[in-house]
Structure formats: C-alpha cells, structure tokens
Amino acid sequence: MTQRMCNWHPGYTDRPTLIALIETGSGPGAIYYACPDCMRIYRLRPFDPAADGCPVYERRRD
C-alpha cells in the first residue's frame, strides 16, 4: 500500500483513509488523508462522495 501524509499530525501512515476531497474552480484542490489513530482521536469519517467534500466529524455523545 502507498504511504500518505496524515493531514492531522506531522507524519506518514501505511494505512491512509481518504477524508476529504476539495475541488476548486480556479486553482488546485486538496486531498486530505488521516491515519487510523487520528480518525479515532478526531472522530473522522471516511470520504462520502454524496457530501460536499469537507471533512465530516462524528458528533460527541456526552
């Protein structure tokens, strides 16, 4: 598997998960990946093509 930079901490991961795909009309877009630990810590969800492309966080259940 390809190593990718985790966008939530300064390091690479062997198990990247696509979190967000930001497209722009003029200029480069962005692709955000997260490692399994950051997904758990920040409660991230994998990319959903039906969403607007922004990162999705799970709601806290306090």
PDB file of N, CA and C in Angstrom:
ATOM      1  N   MET A   1       0.842  -1.182   0.000  1.00  0.00           N
ATOM      2  CA  MET A   1       0.000   0.000   0.000  1.00  0.00           C
ATOM      3  C   MET A   1       0.888   1.246   0.000  1.00  0.00           C
ATOM      4  N   THR A   2       0.393   2.313  -0.535  1.00  0.00           N
ATOM      5  CA  THR A   2       1.132   3.561  -0.642  1.00  0.00           C
ATOM      6  C   THR A   2       1.098   4.328   0.672  1.00  0.00           C
ATOM      7  N   GLN A   3       2.243   4.866   1.066  1.00  0.00           N
ATOM      8  CA  GLN A   3       2.271   5.736   2.236  1.00  0.00           C
ATOM      9  C   GLN A   3       1.733   7.110   1.857  1.00  0.00           C
ATOM     10  N   ARG A   4       1.011   7.694   2.756  1.00  0.00           N
ATOM     11  CA  ARG A   4       0.473   9.044   2.560  1.00  0.00           C
ATOM     12  C   ARG A   4       0.724   9.842   3.828  1.00  0.00           C
ATOM     13  N   MET A   5       0.771  11.148   3.666  1.00  0.00           N
ATOM     14  CA  MET A   5       0.907  12.037   4.806  1.00  0.00           C
ATOM     15  C   MET A   5      -0.445  12.182   5.488  1.00  0.00           C
ATOM     16  N   CYS A   6      -0.472  12.014   6.795  1.00  0.00           N
ATOM     17  CA  CYS A   6      -1.698  12.267   7.559  1.00  0.00           C
ATOM     18  C   CYS A   6      -1.809  13.777   7.716  1.00  0.00           C
ATOM     19  N   ASN A   7      -2.956  14.344   7.364  1.00  0.00           N
ATOM     20  CA  ASN A   7      -3.144  15.786   7.444  1.00  0.00           C
ATOM     21  C   ASN A   7      -3.495  16.273   8.841  1.00  0.00           C
ATOM     22  N   TRP A   8      -3.621  15.363   9.809  1.00  0.00           N
ATOM     23  CA  TRP A   8      -3.973  15.755  11.167  1.00  0.00           C
ATOM     24  C   TRP A   8      -2.785  15.686  12.112  1.00  0.00           C
ATOM     25  N   HIS A   9      -1.712  15.030  11.746  1.00  0.00           N
ATOM     26  CA  HIS A   9      -0.474  15.039  12.533  1.00  0.00           C
ATOM     27  C   HIS A   9       0.702  15.007  11.564  1.00  0.00           C
ATOM     28  N   PRO A  10       1.869  15.496  11.969  1.00  0.00           N
ATOM     29  CA  PRO A  10       3.005  15.547  11.047  1.00  0.00           C
ATOM     30  C   PRO A  10       3.702  14.201  10.903  1.00  0.00           C
ATOM     31  N   GLY A  11       3.152  13.340  10.085  1.00  0.00           N
ATOM     32  CA  GLY A  11       3.776  12.041   9.870  1.00  0.00           C
ATOM     33  C   GLY A  11       3.079  11.270   8.771  1.00  0.00           C
ATOM     34  N   TYR A  12       3.729  10.196   8.344  1.00  0.00           N
ATOM     35  CA  TYR A  12       3.187   9.348   7.292  1.00  0.00           C
ATOM     36  C   TYR A  12       2.471   8.150   7.892  1.00  0.00           C
ATOM     37  N   THR A  13       1.578   7.563   7.109  1.00  0.00           N
ATOM     38  CA  THR A  13       0.862   6.371   7.534  1.00  0.00           C
ATOM     39  C   THR A  13       0.863   5.346   6.404  1.00  0.00           C
ATOM     40  N   ASP A  14       0.936   4.082   6.786  1.00  0.00           N
ATOM     41  CA  ASP A  14       0.831   2.984   5.817  1.00  0.00           C
ATOM     42  C   ASP A  14      -0.623   2.631   5.546  1.00  0.00           C
ATOM     43  N   ARG A  15      -1.538   3.150   6.382  1.00  0.00           N
ATOM     44  CA  ARG A  15      -2.964   2.834   6.249  1.00  0.00           C
ATOM     45  C   ARG A  15      -3.786   4.122   6.142  1.00  0.00           C
ATOM     46  N   PRO A  16      -3.602   4.875   5.054  1.00  0.00           N
ATOM     47  CA  PRO A  16      -4.332   6.137   4.914  1.00  0.00           C
ATOM     48  C   PRO A  16      -5.802   5.911   4.564  1.00  0.00           C
ATOM     49  N   THR A  17      -6.635   6.790   5.060  1.00  0.00           N
ATOM     50  CA  THR A  17      -8.053   6.799   4.704  1.00  0.00           C
ATOM     51  C   THR A  17      -8.367   8.166   4.122  1.00  0.00           C
ATOM     52  N   LEU A  18      -9.001   8.177   2.965  1.00  0.00           N
ATOM     53  CA  LEU A  18      -9.411   9.433   2.343  1.00  0.00           C
ATOM     54  C   LEU A  18     -10.510  10.055   3.184  1.00  0.00           C
ATOM     55  N   ILE A  19     -10.279  11.302   3.609  1.00  0.00           N
ATOM     56  CA  ILE A  19     -11.232  12.000   4.467  1.00  0.00           C
ATOM     57  C   ILE A  19     -11.985  13.078   3.703  1.00  0.00           C
ATOM     58  N   ALA A  20     -11.280  13.826   2.862  1.00  0.00           N
ATOM     59  CA  ALA A  20     -11.921  14.932   2.152  1.00  0.00           C
ATOM     60  C   ALA A  20     -11.266  15.134   0.796  1.00  0.00           C
ATOM     61  N   LEU A  21     -12.084  15.564  -0.140  1.00  0.00           N
ATOM     62  CA  LEU A  21     -11.633  15.887  -1.486  1.00  0.00           C
ATOM     63  C   LEU A  21     -12.234  17.242  -1.821  1.00  0.00           C
ATOM     64  N   ILE A  22     -11.389  18.266  -1.816  1.00  0.00           N
ATOM     65  CA  ILE A  22     -11.862  19.631  -2.034  1.00  0.00           C
ATOM     66  C   ILE A  22     -11.542  20.034  -3.470  1.00  0.00           C
ATOM     67  N   GLU A  23     -12.557  20.360  -4.234  1.00  0.00           N
ATOM     68  CA  GLU A  23     -12.365  20.816  -5.608  1.00  0.00           C
ATOM     69  C   GLU A  23     -12.595  22.316  -5.663  1.00  0.00           C
ATOM     70  N   THR A  24     -11.779  22.982  -6.484  1.00  0.00           N
ATOM     71  CA  THR A  24     -11.942  24.423  -6.638  1.00  0.00           C
ATOM     72  C   THR A  24     -12.096  24.745  -8.114  1.00  0.00           C
ATOM     73  N   GLY A  25     -12.744  25.836  -8.389  1.00  0.00           N
ATOM     74  CA  GLY A  25     -12.970  26.220  -9.774  1.00  0.00           C
ATOM     75  C   GLY A  25     -11.726  26.780 -10.442  1.00  0.00           C
ATOM     76  N   SER A  26     -10.896  27.467  -9.672  1.00  0.00           N
ATOM     77  CA  SER A  26      -9.686  28.057 -10.249  1.00  0.00           C
ATOM     78  C   SER A  26      -8.513  27.782  -9.318  1.00  0.00           C
ATOM     79  N   GLY A  27      -7.690  26.864  -9.708  1.00  0.00           N
ATOM     80  CA  GLY A  27      -6.527  26.539  -8.892  1.00  0.00           C
ATOM     81  C   GLY A  27      -6.600  25.104  -8.388  1.00  0.00           C
ATOM     82  N   PRO A  28      -5.555  24.720  -7.679  1.00  0.00           N
ATOM     83  CA  PRO A  28      -5.502  23.338  -7.211  1.00  0.00           C
ATOM     84  C   PRO A  28      -6.493  23.070  -6.084  1.00  0.00           C
ATOM     85  N   GLY A  29      -7.012  21.885  -6.058  1.00  0.00           N
ATOM     86  CA  GLY A  29      -7.874  21.460  -4.971  1.00  0.00           C
ATOM     87  C   GLY A  29      -7.015  20.855  -3.872  1.00  0.00           C
ATOM     88  N   ALA A  30      -7.615  20.037  -3.034  1.00  0.00           N
ATOM     89  CA  ALA A  30      -6.876  19.409  -1.939  1.00  0.00           C
ATOM     90  C   ALA A  30      -7.452  18.035  -1.666  1.00  0.00           C
ATOM     91  N   ILE A  31      -6.593  17.141  -1.253  1.00  0.00           N
ATOM     92  CA  ILE A  31      -6.999  15.794  -0.833  1.00  0.00           C
ATOM     93  C   ILE A  31      -6.458  15.605   0.571  1.00  0.00           C
ATOM     94  N   TYR A  32      -7.325  15.225   1.503  1.00  0.00           N
ATOM     95  CA  TYR A  32      -6.937  15.039   2.902  1.00  0.00           C
ATOM     96  C   TYR A  32      -7.033  13.569   3.279  1.00  0.00           C
ATOM     97  N   TYR A  33      -5.956  13.080   3.892  1.00  0.00           N
ATOM     98  CA  TYR A  33      -5.900  11.714   4.387  1.00  0.00           C
ATOM     99  C   TYR A  33      -5.684  11.731   5.889  1.00  0.00           C
ATOM    100  N   ALA A  34      -6.119  10.676   6.564  1.00  0.00           N
ATOM    101  CA  ALA A  34      -5.890  10.532   8.003  1.00  0.00           C
ATOM    102  C   ALA A  34      -5.431   9.112   8.302  1.00  0.00           C
ATOM    103  N   CYS A  35      -4.627   8.996   9.339  1.00  0.00           N
ATOM    104  CA  CYS A  35      -4.188   7.676   9.803  1.00  0.00           C
ATOM    105  C   CYS A  35      -5.265   7.106  10.732  1.00  0.00           C
ATOM    106  N   PRO A  36      -5.223   5.815  11.026  1.00  0.00           N
ATOM    107  CA  PRO A  36      -6.240   5.222  11.906  1.00  0.00           C
ATOM    108  C   PRO A  36      -6.315   5.881  13.290  1.00  0.00           C
ATOM    109  N   ASP A  37      -5.156   6.253  13.860  1.00  0.00           N
ATOM    110  CA  ASP A  37      -5.179   6.893  15.187  1.00  0.00           C
ATOM    111  C   ASP A  37      -5.872   8.246  15.147  1.00  0.00           C
ATOM    112  N   CYS A  38      -5.565   9.065  14.141  1.00  0.00           N
ATOM    113  CA  CYS A  38      -6.210  10.378  14.035  1.00  0.00           C
ATOM    114  C   CYS A  38      -7.699  10.242  13.735  1.00  0.00           C
ATOM    115  N   MET A  39      -8.072   9.224  12.980  1.00  0.00           N
ATOM    116  CA  MET A  39      -9.508   9.004  12.728  1.00  0.00           C
ATOM    117  C   MET A  39     -10.243   8.771  14.039  1.00  0.00           C
ATOM    118  N   ARG A  40      -9.617   8.003  14.927  1.00  0.00           N
ATOM    119  CA  ARG A  40     -10.238   7.704  16.225  1.00  0.00           C
ATOM    120  C   ARG A  40     -10.223   8.943  17.126  1.00  0.00           C
ATOM    121  N   ILE A  41      -9.070   9.598  17.235  1.00  0.00           N
ATOM    122  CA  ILE A  41      -8.923  10.747  18.132  1.00  0.00           C
ATOM    123  C   ILE A  41      -9.835  11.901  17.724  1.00  0.00           C
ATOM    124  N   TYR A  42      -9.886  12.218  16.433  1.00  0.00           N
ATOM    125  CA  TYR A  42     -10.670  13.353  15.950  1.00  0.00           C
ATOM    126  C   TYR A  42     -12.059  12.961  15.461  1.00  0.00           C
ATOM    127  N   ARG A  43     -12.380  11.682  15.626  1.00  0.00           N
ATOM    128  CA  ARG A  43     -13.709  11.166  15.247  1.00  0.00           C
ATOM    129  C   ARG A  43     -14.049  11.462  13.790  1.00  0.00           C
ATOM    130  N   LEU A  44     -13.076  11.204  12.914  1.00  0.00           N
ATOM    131  CA  LEU A  44     -13.261  11.460  11.489  1.00  0.00           C
ATOM    132  C   LEU A  44     -13.999  10.318  10.817  1.00  0.00           C
ATOM    133  N   ARG A  45     -14.698  10.625   9.785  1.00  0.00           N
ATOM    134  CA  ARG A  45     -15.375   9.615   8.970  1.00  0.00           C
ATOM    135  C   ARG A  45     -14.727   9.594   7.590  1.00  0.00           C
ATOM    136  N   PRO A  46     -14.729   8.432   6.927  1.00  0.00           N
ATOM    137  CA  PRO A  46     -14.182   8.367   5.567  1.00  0.00           C
ATOM    138  C   PRO A  46     -14.954   9.279   4.610  1.00  0.00           C
ATOM    139  N   PHE A  47     -14.304   9.629   3.513  1.00  0.00           N
ATOM    140  CA  PHE A  47     -14.894  10.492   2.496  1.00  0.00           C
ATOM    141  C   PHE A  47     -16.221   9.932   1.996  1.00  0.00           C
ATOM    142  N   ASP A  48     -17.192  10.817   1.861  1.00  0.00           N
ATOM    143  CA  ASP A  48     -18.506  10.459   1.337  1.00  0.00           C
ATOM    144  C   ASP A  48     -18.738  11.291   0.076  1.00  0.00           C
ATOM    145  N   PRO A  49     -18.759  10.640  -1.104  1.00  0.00           N
ATOM    146  CA  PRO A  49     -18.935  11.405  -2.344  1.00  0.00           C
ATOM    147  C   PRO A  49     -20.245  12.181  -2.405  1.00  0.00           C
ATOM    148  N   ALA A  50     -21.239  11.794  -1.611  1.00  0.00           N
ATOM    149  CA  ALA A  50     -22.519  12.495  -1.617  1.00  0.00           C
ATOM    150  C   ALA A  50     -22.456  13.787  -0.795  1.00  0.00           C
ATOM    151  N   ALA A  51     -21.430  13.927   0.048  1.00  0.00           N
ATOM    152  CA  ALA A  51     -21.288  15.137   0.862  1.00  0.00           C
ATOM    153  C   ALA A  51     -20.614  16.225   0.034  1.00  0.00           C
ATOM    154  N   ASP A  52     -20.373  17.356   0.650  1.00  0.00           N
ATOM    155  CA  ASP A  52     -19.788  18.485  -0.078  1.00  0.00           C
ATOM    156  C   ASP A  52     -18.273  18.429  -0.191  1.00  0.00           C
ATOM    157  N   GLY A  53     -17.644  17.386   0.316  1.00  0.00           N
ATOM    158  CA  GLY A  53     -16.199  17.241   0.216  1.00  0.00           C
ATOM    159  C   GLY A  53     -15.451  17.642   1.464  1.00  0.00           C
ATOM    160  N   CYS A  54     -16.110  18.343   2.380  1.00  0.00           N
ATOM    161  CA  CYS A  54     -15.451  18.774   3.605  1.00  0.00           C
ATOM    162  C   CYS A  54     -15.330  17.607   4.584  1.00  0.00           C
ATOM    163  N   PRO A  55     -14.324  17.658   5.479  1.00  0.00           N
ATOM    164  CA  PRO A  55     -14.196  16.593   6.469  1.00  0.00           C
ATOM    165  C   PRO A  55     -15.448  16.485   7.329  1.00  0.00           C
ATOM    166  N   VAL A  56     -15.827  15.264   7.656  1.00  0.00           N
ATOM    167  CA  VAL A  56     -17.008  15.015   8.479  1.00  0.00           C
ATOM    168  C   VAL A  56     -16.544  14.439   9.806  1.00  0.00           C
ATOM    169  N   TYR A  57     -16.999  15.052  10.889  1.00  0.00           N
ATOM    170  CA  TYR A  57     -16.667  14.600  12.232  1.00  0.00           C
ATOM    171  C   TYR A  57     -17.906  13.990  12.853  1.00  0.00           C
ATOM    172  N   GLU A  58     -17.709  12.930  13.635  1.00  0.00           N
ATOM    173  CA  GLU A  58     -18.842  12.344  14.346  1.00  0.00           C
ATOM    174  C   GLU A  58     -19.199  13.268  15.498  1.00  0.00           C
ATOM    175  N   ARG A  59     -20.482  13.310  15.816  1.00  0.00           N
ATOM    176  CA  ARG A  59     -20.916  14.126  16.950  1.00  0.00           C
ATOM    177  C   ARG A  59     -20.514  13.453  18.245  1.00  0.00           C
ATOM    178  N   ARG A  60     -20.167  14.283  19.208  1.00  0.00           N
ATOM    179  CA  ARG A  60     -19.826  13.759  20.527  1.00  0.00           C
ATOM    180  C   ARG A  60     -21.088  13.350  21.249  1.00  0.00           C
ATOM    181  N   ARG A  61     -21.000  12.259  21.953  1.00  0.00           N
ATOM    182  CA  ARG A  61     -22.158  11.790  22.735  1.00  0.00           C
ATOM    183  C   ARG A  61     -21.833  11.924  24.213  1.00  0.00           C
ATOM    184  N   ASP A  62     -22.012  13.122  24.730  1.00  0.00           N
ATOM    185  CA  ASP A  62     -21.699  13.393  26.149  1.00  0.00           C
ATOM    186  C   ASP A  62     -22.906  13.205  27.014  1.00  0.00           C
TER     187      ASP A  62
END
